[in-house]
Amino acid sequence: MRVGDRCLFYHSGAGAASRRVVGVVEVAREWYEGEGEAASGGAVDVRAVGEFRRPVALGEIKKAAGGGGGEVEGMREFALLRQPRLSVMPVPAKVWDWICEMGGGFVQDGEDEDDS
C-alpha cells in the first residue's frame, strides 16, 4: 500500500449484520513498525475520503459472486469471500466499481449526506 492508494473501509465485527463495507479511505502513511513494548506488528495510517450513502453488506457481496448469470466479474476470486477477516487484500477494479455503485457513492468529508 502506497501513499494516495484508496481502500475500502470494511467493518468485520461480530455478527453477520456488522460485516459490511462502509466507505473509502486513502493511505496517508505507508506501513511502519509499531512502537513501544505493547506494539505487535505494524500499521498503515489512513484518512477518510468518504462514507457510503448505504453500507454494502458481506451477504450482498456473496450474492454477487453466486452464479446464475448475474455475477460480477472477478467477484468469485475476491479474497474477502474466502477470508472475510483478512485485513488487507487487493480489490479487482470491477469489484471496486460494483461495491461503490451499490453503496450509492460516498459522502466526502464536509459534504452533507443529502448532497448528491
N, C-alpha and C. Protein backbone atom coordinates (compact mmCIF):
# COMPACT_ATOMS: atom_id res chain seq x y z
N MET A 1 0.84 -1.17 0.00
CA MET A 1 0.00 0.00 0.00
C MET A 1 0.89 1.24 0.00
N ARG A 2 0.56 2.15 -0.88
CA ARG A 2 1.36 3.37 -1.05
C ARG A 2 0.52 4.60 -0.69
N VAL A 3 1.19 5.67 -0.31
CA VAL A 3 0.51 6.92 -0.01
C VAL A 3 -0.33 7.31 -1.23
N GLY A 4 -1.59 7.64 -0.98
CA GLY A 4 -2.51 8.01 -2.05
C GLY A 4 -3.39 6.88 -2.54
N ASP A 5 -3.02 5.62 -2.25
CA ASP A 5 -3.89 4.49 -2.63
C ASP A 5 -5.22 4.62 -1.90
N ARG A 6 -6.29 4.32 -2.61
CA ARG A 6 -7.61 4.32 -1.99
C ARG A 6 -7.97 2.89 -1.60
N CYS A 7 -8.69 2.79 -0.50
CA CYS A 7 -9.03 1.49 0.08
C CYS A 7 -10.49 1.51 0.51
N LEU A 8 -11.12 0.34 0.46
CA LEU A 8 -12.46 0.20 1.01
C LEU A 8 -12.33 0.00 2.51
N PHE A 9 -13.18 0.64 3.28
CA PHE A 9 -13.17 0.50 4.74
C PHE A 9 -14.26 -0.49 5.10
N TYR A 10 -13.83 -1.63 5.66
CA TYR A 10 -14.72 -2.76 5.93
C TYR A 10 -14.83 -3.01 7.43
N HIS A 11 -16.06 -3.08 7.93
CA HIS A 11 -16.29 -3.46 9.33
C HIS A 11 -16.35 -4.98 9.38
N SER A 12 -15.54 -5.58 10.23
CA SER A 12 -15.52 -7.04 10.33
C SER A 12 -15.91 -7.51 11.72
N GLY A 13 -16.74 -6.76 12.39
CA GLY A 13 -17.13 -7.08 13.76
C GLY A 13 -17.92 -8.36 13.89
N ALA A 14 -18.26 -8.69 15.11
CA ALA A 14 -19.02 -9.90 15.40
C ALA A 14 -20.43 -9.80 14.84
N GLY A 15 -20.92 -10.89 14.31
CA GLY A 15 -22.27 -10.93 13.78
C GLY A 15 -22.33 -10.51 12.33
N ALA A 16 -23.12 -11.25 11.57
CA ALA A 16 -23.22 -11.02 10.13
C ALA A 16 -23.69 -9.61 9.79
N ALA A 17 -24.55 -9.03 10.61
CA ALA A 17 -25.10 -7.70 10.31
C ALA A 17 -24.03 -6.61 10.33
N SER A 18 -22.95 -6.83 11.07
CA SER A 18 -21.92 -5.79 11.15
C SER A 18 -20.85 -5.93 10.08
N ARG A 19 -20.83 -7.01 9.33
CA ARG A 19 -19.81 -7.22 8.30
C ARG A 19 -20.25 -6.53 7.01
N ARG A 20 -19.62 -5.37 6.76
CA ARG A 20 -20.04 -4.58 5.60
C ARG A 20 -18.98 -3.55 5.25
N VAL A 21 -19.00 -3.13 4.00
CA VAL A 21 -18.12 -2.06 3.52
C VAL A 21 -18.88 -0.76 3.79
N VAL A 22 -18.22 0.17 4.49
CA VAL A 22 -18.92 1.39 4.90
C VAL A 22 -18.38 2.66 4.26
N GLY A 23 -17.23 2.56 3.58
CA GLY A 23 -16.70 3.78 2.98
C GLY A 23 -15.35 3.59 2.33
N VAL A 24 -14.73 4.72 2.02
CA VAL A 24 -13.44 4.75 1.32
C VAL A 24 -12.46 5.56 2.15
N VAL A 25 -11.23 5.05 2.26
CA VAL A 25 -10.13 5.76 2.92
C VAL A 25 -8.96 5.84 1.96
N GLU A 26 -7.99 6.68 2.30
CA GLU A 26 -6.79 6.85 1.48
C GLU A 26 -5.57 6.68 2.37
N VAL A 27 -4.57 5.98 1.87
CA VAL A 27 -3.34 5.77 2.64
C VAL A 27 -2.64 7.11 2.81
N ALA A 28 -2.38 7.48 4.07
CA ALA A 28 -1.71 8.74 4.39
C ALA A 28 -0.25 8.51 4.78
N ARG A 29 0.04 7.31 5.28
CA ARG A 29 1.41 6.95 5.66
C ARG A 29 1.58 5.46 5.41
N GLU A 30 2.64 5.11 4.70
CA GLU A 30 2.90 3.70 4.39
C GLU A 30 3.23 2.92 5.65
N TRP A 31 3.26 1.61 5.51
CA TRP A 31 3.50 0.69 6.62
C TRP A 31 4.70 1.10 7.44
N TYR A 32 4.55 1.02 8.75
CA TYR A 32 5.65 1.29 9.67
C TYR A 32 5.52 0.35 10.86
N GLU A 33 6.65 0.09 11.51
CA GLU A 33 6.68 -0.80 12.67
C GLU A 33 6.02 -0.12 13.86
N GLY A 34 5.32 -0.92 14.66
CA GLY A 34 4.72 -0.40 15.88
C GLY A 34 5.80 0.06 16.85
N GLU A 35 5.42 0.91 17.78
CA GLU A 35 6.38 1.45 18.74
C GLU A 35 6.03 1.01 20.15
N GLY A 36 7.02 0.87 21.00
CA GLY A 36 6.81 0.54 22.40
C GLY A 36 6.71 -0.95 22.65
N GLU A 37 6.65 -1.30 23.93
CA GLU A 37 6.60 -2.71 24.32
C GLU A 37 5.33 -3.41 23.88
N ALA A 38 4.22 -2.70 23.91
CA ALA A 38 2.93 -3.32 23.58
C ALA A 38 2.72 -3.48 22.08
N ALA A 39 3.58 -2.91 21.28
CA ALA A 39 3.41 -2.97 19.82
C ALA A 39 3.64 -4.38 19.30
N SER A 40 2.76 -4.79 18.43
CA SER A 40 2.94 -6.07 17.74
C SER A 40 2.66 -5.83 16.27
N GLY A 41 3.66 -6.02 15.44
CA GLY A 41 3.50 -5.79 14.02
C GLY A 41 3.65 -4.33 13.66
N GLY A 42 2.85 -3.90 12.70
CA GLY A 42 2.95 -2.53 12.22
C GLY A 42 1.59 -1.99 11.86
N ALA A 43 1.59 -0.86 11.19
CA ALA A 43 0.34 -0.19 10.84
C ALA A 43 0.52 0.61 9.56
N VAL A 44 -0.60 0.99 8.99
CA VAL A 44 -0.68 1.92 7.87
C VAL A 44 -1.66 3.00 8.32
N ASP A 45 -1.29 4.26 8.20
CA ASP A 45 -2.21 5.35 8.56
C ASP A 45 -3.07 5.68 7.35
N VAL A 46 -4.35 5.92 7.61
CA VAL A 46 -5.29 6.28 6.55
C VAL A 46 -6.07 7.52 6.97
N ARG A 47 -6.66 8.17 5.98
CA ARG A 47 -7.56 9.29 6.26
C ARG A 47 -8.87 9.02 5.53
N ALA A 48 -9.95 9.48 6.09
CA ALA A 48 -11.27 9.26 5.50
C ALA A 48 -11.39 10.04 4.19
N VAL A 49 -11.94 9.38 3.19
CA VAL A 49 -12.29 10.04 1.93
C VAL A 49 -13.80 10.26 1.93
N GLY A 50 -14.54 9.22 2.27
CA GLY A 50 -15.99 9.36 2.32
C GLY A 50 -16.67 8.12 2.84
N GLU A 51 -17.85 8.35 3.38
CA GLU A 51 -18.69 7.28 3.90
C GLU A 51 -19.74 6.95 2.83
N PHE A 52 -19.98 5.66 2.61
CA PHE A 52 -21.01 5.29 1.65
C PHE A 52 -22.37 5.78 2.11
N ARG A 53 -23.18 6.15 1.16
CA ARG A 53 -24.55 6.56 1.47
C ARG A 53 -25.33 5.37 2.02
N ARG A 54 -24.93 4.17 1.60
CA ARG A 54 -25.58 2.94 2.07
C ARG A 54 -24.50 1.88 2.22
N PRO A 55 -24.27 1.33 3.43
CA PRO A 55 -23.26 0.28 3.59
C PRO A 55 -23.58 -0.93 2.72
N VAL A 56 -22.54 -1.61 2.26
CA VAL A 56 -22.71 -2.80 1.42
C VAL A 56 -22.35 -4.02 2.26
N ALA A 57 -23.36 -4.82 2.56
CA ALA A 57 -23.20 -5.98 3.45
C ALA A 57 -22.43 -7.10 2.76
N LEU A 58 -21.69 -7.86 3.57
CA LEU A 58 -20.96 -9.02 3.06
C LEU A 58 -21.92 -9.98 2.36
N GLY A 59 -23.13 -10.13 2.86
CA GLY A 59 -24.12 -11.01 2.23
C GLY A 59 -24.43 -10.58 0.80
N GLU A 60 -24.52 -9.28 0.55
CA GLU A 60 -24.77 -8.78 -0.81
C GLU A 60 -23.59 -9.10 -1.72
N ILE A 61 -22.39 -8.96 -1.18
CA ILE A 61 -21.19 -9.24 -1.97
C ILE A 61 -21.15 -10.72 -2.33
N LYS A 62 -21.51 -11.58 -1.38
CA LYS A 62 -21.55 -13.03 -1.64
C LYS A 62 -22.56 -13.36 -2.73
N LYS A 63 -23.73 -12.71 -2.69
CA LYS A 63 -24.76 -12.94 -3.71
C LYS A 63 -24.25 -12.56 -5.09
N ALA A 64 -23.47 -11.49 -5.18
CA ALA A 64 -22.94 -11.03 -6.47
C ALA A 64 -21.93 -12.01 -7.05
N ALA A 65 -21.43 -12.92 -6.23
CA ALA A 65 -20.47 -13.93 -6.70
C ALA A 65 -21.16 -15.25 -6.98
N GLY A 66 -22.46 -15.30 -6.77
CA GLY A 66 -23.18 -16.56 -6.72
C GLY A 66 -23.58 -17.25 -7.99
N GLY A 67 -23.20 -16.82 -9.14
CA GLY A 67 -23.58 -17.53 -10.36
C GLY A 67 -24.97 -17.12 -10.83
N GLY A 68 -25.52 -17.90 -11.74
CA GLY A 68 -26.83 -17.61 -12.28
C GLY A 68 -26.81 -16.49 -13.31
N GLY A 69 -25.64 -16.13 -13.80
CA GLY A 69 -25.53 -15.14 -14.85
C GLY A 69 -25.45 -13.70 -14.36
N GLY A 70 -25.73 -13.46 -13.07
CA GLY A 70 -25.71 -12.09 -12.57
C GLY A 70 -24.46 -11.74 -11.80
N GLU A 71 -23.48 -12.62 -11.82
CA GLU A 71 -22.29 -12.37 -11.01
C GLU A 71 -21.44 -11.24 -11.58
N VAL A 72 -20.71 -10.60 -10.70
CA VAL A 72 -19.80 -9.52 -11.06
C VAL A 72 -18.46 -10.13 -11.42
N GLU A 73 -17.88 -9.70 -12.54
CA GLU A 73 -16.58 -10.23 -12.98
C GLU A 73 -15.52 -10.04 -11.90
N GLY A 74 -14.83 -11.10 -11.55
CA GLY A 74 -13.77 -11.05 -10.56
C GLY A 74 -14.24 -11.27 -9.13
N MET A 75 -15.56 -11.29 -8.92
CA MET A 75 -16.09 -11.40 -7.56
C MET A 75 -15.80 -12.76 -6.94
N ARG A 76 -15.88 -13.83 -7.71
CA ARG A 76 -15.64 -15.17 -7.15
C ARG A 76 -14.22 -15.31 -6.62
N GLU A 77 -13.27 -14.59 -7.20
CA GLU A 77 -11.87 -14.68 -6.77
C GLU A 77 -11.54 -13.65 -5.67
N PHE A 78 -12.47 -12.78 -5.35
CA PHE A 78 -12.24 -11.72 -4.37
C PHE A 78 -11.91 -12.35 -3.02
N ALA A 79 -10.75 -12.01 -2.46
CA ALA A 79 -10.24 -12.62 -1.23
C ALA A 79 -11.20 -12.45 -0.05
N LEU A 80 -11.99 -11.40 -0.03
CA LEU A 80 -12.92 -11.17 1.07
C LEU A 80 -13.89 -12.33 1.23
N LEU A 81 -14.22 -12.99 0.14
CA LEU A 81 -15.18 -14.09 0.20
C LEU A 81 -14.55 -15.37 0.73
N ARG A 82 -13.24 -15.48 0.62
CA ARG A 82 -12.54 -16.67 1.13
C ARG A 82 -12.01 -16.46 2.54
N GLN A 83 -11.60 -15.25 2.85
CA GLN A 83 -11.04 -14.92 4.17
C GLN A 83 -11.61 -13.59 4.64
N PRO A 84 -12.86 -13.57 5.12
CA PRO A 84 -13.52 -12.30 5.43
C PRO A 84 -12.90 -11.48 6.55
N ARG A 85 -11.99 -12.05 7.31
CA ARG A 85 -11.36 -11.27 8.39
C ARG A 85 -9.93 -10.87 8.02
N LEU A 86 -9.54 -11.09 6.77
CA LEU A 86 -8.23 -10.67 6.29
C LEU A 86 -8.20 -9.14 6.28
N SER A 87 -7.16 -8.55 6.82
CA SER A 87 -7.11 -7.10 6.98
C SER A 87 -6.86 -6.34 5.68
N VAL A 88 -5.96 -6.85 4.84
CA VAL A 88 -5.58 -6.16 3.61
C VAL A 88 -5.63 -7.14 2.46
N MET A 89 -6.25 -6.73 1.37
CA MET A 89 -6.35 -7.59 0.19
C MET A 89 -6.55 -6.72 -1.05
N PRO A 90 -6.12 -7.22 -2.21
CA PRO A 90 -6.38 -6.46 -3.44
C PRO A 90 -7.87 -6.52 -3.78
N VAL A 91 -8.36 -5.46 -4.41
CA VAL A 91 -9.76 -5.41 -4.84
C VAL A 91 -9.76 -5.24 -6.35
N PRO A 92 -10.25 -6.24 -7.10
CA PRO A 92 -10.31 -6.10 -8.56
C PRO A 92 -11.13 -4.87 -8.95
N ALA A 93 -10.73 -4.22 -10.03
CA ALA A 93 -11.36 -2.95 -10.45
C ALA A 93 -12.87 -3.07 -10.61
N LYS A 94 -13.35 -4.13 -11.24
CA LYS A 94 -14.80 -4.28 -11.45
C LYS A 94 -15.54 -4.51 -10.13
N VAL A 95 -14.88 -5.18 -9.19
CA VAL A 95 -15.46 -5.38 -7.86
C VAL A 95 -15.53 -4.04 -7.13
N TRP A 96 -14.44 -3.27 -7.20
CA TRP A 96 -14.42 -1.93 -6.59
C TRP A 96 -15.58 -1.10 -7.13
N ASP A 97 -15.72 -1.06 -8.46
CA ASP A 97 -16.78 -0.26 -9.09
C ASP A 97 -18.16 -0.70 -8.62
N TRP A 98 -18.37 -2.02 -8.57
CA TRP A 98 -19.66 -2.56 -8.16
C TRP A 98 -19.98 -2.19 -6.72
N ILE A 99 -19.01 -2.35 -5.82
CA ILE A 99 -19.23 -2.02 -4.41
C ILE A 99 -19.54 -0.54 -4.25
N CYS A 100 -18.79 0.33 -4.93
CA CYS A 100 -19.06 1.77 -4.85
C CYS A 100 -20.44 2.11 -5.39
N GLU A 101 -20.84 1.44 -6.47
CA GLU A 101 -22.18 1.66 -7.03
C GLU A 101 -23.26 1.21 -6.05
N MET A 102 -23.08 0.03 -5.47
CA MET A 102 -24.05 -0.49 -4.51
C MET A 102 -24.14 0.40 -3.26
N GLY A 103 -23.04 1.03 -2.91
CA GLY A 103 -23.02 1.93 -1.76
C GLY A 103 -23.60 3.30 -2.07
N GLY A 104 -23.99 3.52 -3.32
CA GLY A 104 -24.59 4.80 -3.69
C GLY A 104 -23.58 5.93 -3.77
N GLY A 105 -22.32 5.57 -4.03
CA GLY A 105 -21.27 6.58 -3.98
C GLY A 105 -20.97 6.89 -2.53
N PHE A 106 -20.19 7.92 -2.30
CA PHE A 106 -19.88 8.24 -0.90
C PHE A 106 -19.94 9.73 -0.66
N VAL A 107 -20.25 10.05 0.58
CA VAL A 107 -20.30 11.42 1.04
C VAL A 107 -18.89 11.82 1.40
N GLN A 108 -18.35 12.84 0.76
CA GLN A 108 -16.99 13.29 1.07
C GLN A 108 -16.99 14.10 2.35
N ASP A 109 -15.84 14.14 3.04
CA ASP A 109 -15.72 14.93 4.27
C ASP A 109 -16.24 16.34 4.02
N GLY A 110 -17.07 16.83 4.93
CA GLY A 110 -17.58 18.18 4.83
C GLY A 110 -18.84 18.31 4.01
N GLU A 111 -19.23 17.26 3.30
CA GLU A 111 -20.43 17.29 2.48
C GLU A 111 -21.59 16.74 3.30
N ASP A 112 -22.75 17.36 3.19
CA ASP A 112 -23.93 16.84 3.86
C ASP A 112 -24.37 15.57 3.18
N GLU A 113 -24.93 14.63 3.97
CA GLU A 113 -25.36 13.36 3.42
C GLU A 113 -26.42 13.53 2.35
N ASP A 114 -27.22 14.60 2.43
CA ASP A 114 -28.29 14.81 1.47
C ASP A 114 -27.79 15.36 0.15
N ASP A 115 -26.55 15.87 0.10
CA ASP A 115 -25.99 16.40 -1.15
C ASP A 115 -25.74 15.26 -2.12
N SER A 116 -25.92 15.51 -3.39
CA SER A 116 -25.67 14.47 -4.39
C SER A 116 -24.43 14.75 -5.19
